[in-house]
Amino acid sequence: MGTYYNPGSDVLDGRVGRRLDTYMYHQAKEQLREGEHLYVLIEFKTHSAALCVDDAREFYEFSRLLCPYTFYALSEAAHSRSV
C-alpha cells in the first residue's frame, strides 16, 4: 500500500478533504472534481489513517482487510503533503 495523508485526524475533523456520500468505489471516483484524489479514511480505537486509493487495485487490496471506511476527496495541495 502506498500513499497516506498524515495525520488522518485532519481528514476526520474536516480540516482537509471533502467527505463523499457513497461506499462504492466507482461512484466515489465519479464524485471527484478535477484535481482531487480519492482517499479512504479508516478509524481505529487509537488513531485514524487516510489512504490514497486513486488506483482501483489499491482500493481492492485495501478492501480485502474488511475494515470499515469512508471515502474522502483531497485536493492536489493536500495530496502533495501525503507520505
C-alpha atoms as a PDB file:
ATOM      1  CA  MET A   1       0.000   0.000   0.000  1.00  0.00           C
ATOM      2  CA  GLY A   2       1.224   3.412  -0.953  1.00  0.00           C
ATOM      3  CA  THR A   3       0.317   6.962  -0.021  1.00  0.00           C
ATOM      4  CA  TYR A   4      -1.061   8.103   3.340  1.00  0.00           C
ATOM      5  CA  TYR A   5      -2.204  11.539   4.484  1.00  0.00           C
ATOM      6  CA  ASN A   6      -0.760  12.243   7.917  1.00  0.00           C
ATOM      7  CA  PRO A   7      -2.368  12.966  10.298  1.00  0.00           C
ATOM      8  CA  GLY A   8      -5.602  11.182   9.423  1.00  0.00           C
ATOM      9  CA  SER A   9      -7.310  13.199  12.160  1.00  0.00           C
ATOM     10  CA  ASP A  10      -7.127  16.287   9.891  1.00  0.00           C
ATOM     11  CA  VAL A  11      -9.352  14.459   7.411  1.00  0.00           C
ATOM     12  CA  LEU A  12     -11.662  13.144  10.131  1.00  0.00           C
ATOM     13  CA  ASP A  13     -12.056  16.601  11.702  1.00  0.00           C
ATOM     14  CA  GLY A  14     -12.821  18.236   8.344  1.00  0.00           C
ATOM     15  CA  ARG A  15      -9.703  20.403   8.196  1.00  0.00           C
ATOM     16  CA  VAL A  16      -8.660  18.657   4.990  1.00  0.00           C
ATOM     17  CA  GLY A  17     -10.741  16.995   2.299  1.00  0.00           C
ATOM     18  CA  ARG A  18     -14.388  16.562   1.459  1.00  0.00           C
ATOM     19  CA  ARG A  19     -16.460  13.575   2.553  1.00  0.00           C
ATOM     20  CA  LEU A  20     -18.094  11.652  -0.281  1.00  0.00           C
ATOM     21  CA  ASP A  21     -21.573  10.242   0.138  1.00  0.00           C
ATOM     22  CA  THR A  22     -21.003   6.690  -1.089  1.00  0.00           C
ATOM     23  CA  TYR A  23     -19.394   3.415  -0.129  1.00  0.00           C
ATOM     24  CA  MET A  24     -18.928   2.212  -3.725  1.00  0.00           C
ATOM     25  CA  TYR A  25     -15.563   2.813  -5.393  1.00  0.00           C
ATOM     26  CA  HIS A  26     -16.834   3.639  -8.886  1.00  0.00           C
ATOM     27  CA  GLN A  27     -19.359   6.146  -7.507  1.00  0.00           C
ATOM     28  CA  ALA A  28     -16.674   7.790  -5.387  1.00  0.00           C
ATOM     29  CA  LYS A  29     -14.446   8.166  -8.467  1.00  0.00           C
ATOM     30  CA  GLU A  30     -17.363   9.808 -10.312  1.00  0.00           C
ATOM     31  CA  GLN A  31     -17.824  12.345  -7.482  1.00  0.00           C
ATOM     32  CA  LEU A  32     -14.231  13.612  -7.689  1.00  0.00           C
ATOM     33  CA  ARG A  33     -13.702  17.100  -9.036  1.00  0.00           C
ATOM     34  CA  GLU A  34     -10.818  17.901 -11.359  1.00  0.00           C
ATOM     35  CA  GLY A  35      -7.508  17.744  -9.496  1.00  0.00           C
ATOM     36  CA  GLU A  36      -8.868  15.801  -6.491  1.00  0.00           C
ATOM     37  CA  HIS A  37      -7.543  12.476  -5.235  1.00  0.00           C
ATOM     38  CA  LEU A  38      -9.573   9.651  -3.704  1.00  0.00           C
ATOM     39  CA  TYR A  39      -8.782   8.577  -0.136  1.00  0.00           C
ATOM     40  CA  VAL A  40     -10.347   6.136   2.299  1.00  0.00           C
ATOM     41  CA  LEU A  41     -10.397   7.076   5.968  1.00  0.00           C
ATOM     42  CA  ILE A  42     -10.075   4.207   8.420  1.00  0.00           C
ATOM     43  CA  GLU A  43     -10.792   4.795  12.102  1.00  0.00           C
ATOM     44  CA  PHE A  44      -9.155   2.676  14.766  1.00  0.00           C
ATOM     45  CA  LYS A  45      -9.613   2.983  18.539  1.00  0.00           C
ATOM     46  CA  THR A  46      -6.255   4.711  18.935  1.00  0.00           C
ATOM     47  CA  HIS A  47      -5.871   6.632  15.663  1.00  0.00           C
ATOM     48  CA  SER A  48      -7.151   7.165  12.137  1.00  0.00           C
ATOM     49  CA  ALA A  49      -5.455   6.704   8.774  1.00  0.00           C
ATOM     50  CA  ALA A  50      -6.190   8.158   5.336  1.00  0.00           C
ATOM     51  CA  LEU A  51      -5.001   6.030   2.412  1.00  0.00           C
ATOM     52  CA  CYS A  52      -4.898   7.218  -1.204  1.00  0.00           C
ATOM     53  CA  VAL A  53      -6.835   4.822  -3.460  1.00  0.00           C
ATOM     54  CA  ASP A  54      -6.688   6.637  -6.811  1.00  0.00           C
ATOM     55  CA  ASP A  55      -5.792   3.308  -8.389  1.00  0.00           C
ATOM     56  CA  ALA A  56      -8.580   0.703  -8.203  1.00  0.00           C
ATOM     57  CA  ARG A  57      -6.010  -2.014  -7.438  1.00  0.00           C
ATOM     58  CA  GLU A  58      -5.003  -0.175  -4.252  1.00  0.00           C
ATOM     59  CA  PHE A  59      -8.636   0.029  -3.158  1.00  0.00           C
ATOM     60  CA  TYR A  60      -9.346  -3.641  -3.828  1.00  0.00           C
ATOM     61  CA  GLU A  61      -6.189  -4.665  -1.978  1.00  0.00           C
ATOM     62  CA  PHE A  62      -7.273  -2.485   0.956  1.00  0.00           C
ATOM     63  CA  SER A  63     -10.863  -3.795   0.881  1.00  0.00           C
ATOM     64  CA  ARG A  64      -9.641  -7.347   1.493  1.00  0.00           C
ATOM     65  CA  LEU A  65      -8.793  -6.222   5.049  1.00  0.00           C
ATOM     66  CA  LEU A  66     -12.542  -5.846   5.711  1.00  0.00           C
ATOM     67  CA  CYS A  67     -12.080  -2.578   7.649  1.00  0.00           C
ATOM     68  CA  PRO A  68     -14.946  -0.068   7.728  1.00  0.00           C
ATOM     69  CA  TYR A  69     -14.041   3.082   5.786  1.00  0.00           C
ATOM     70  CA  THR A  70     -15.329   6.403   4.470  1.00  0.00           C
ATOM     71  CA  PHE A  71     -14.378   7.948   1.127  1.00  0.00           C
ATOM     72  CA  TYR A  72     -12.890  11.445   1.024  1.00  0.00           C
ATOM     73  CA  ALA A  73     -11.718  13.706  -1.793  1.00  0.00           C
ATOM     74  CA  LEU A  74      -8.463  15.554  -1.118  1.00  0.00           C
ATOM     75  CA  SER A  75      -7.164  18.440  -3.176  1.00  0.00           C
ATOM     76  CA  GLU A  76      -3.901  18.271  -5.081  1.00  0.00           C
ATOM     77  CA  ALA A  77      -2.322  20.525  -2.425  1.00  0.00           C
ATOM     78  CA  ALA A  78      -3.315  18.161   0.409  1.00  0.00           C
ATOM     79  CA  HIS A  79      -2.278  15.117  -1.629  1.00  0.00           C
ATOM     80  CA  SER A  80       1.158  16.632  -2.236  1.00  0.00           C
ATOM     81  CA  ARG A  81       1.699  16.697   1.556  1.00  0.00           C
ATOM     82  CA  SER A  82       0.988  12.961   1.805  1.00  0.00           C
ATOM     83  CA  VAL A  83       3.713  10.478   2.614  1.00  0.00           C
END
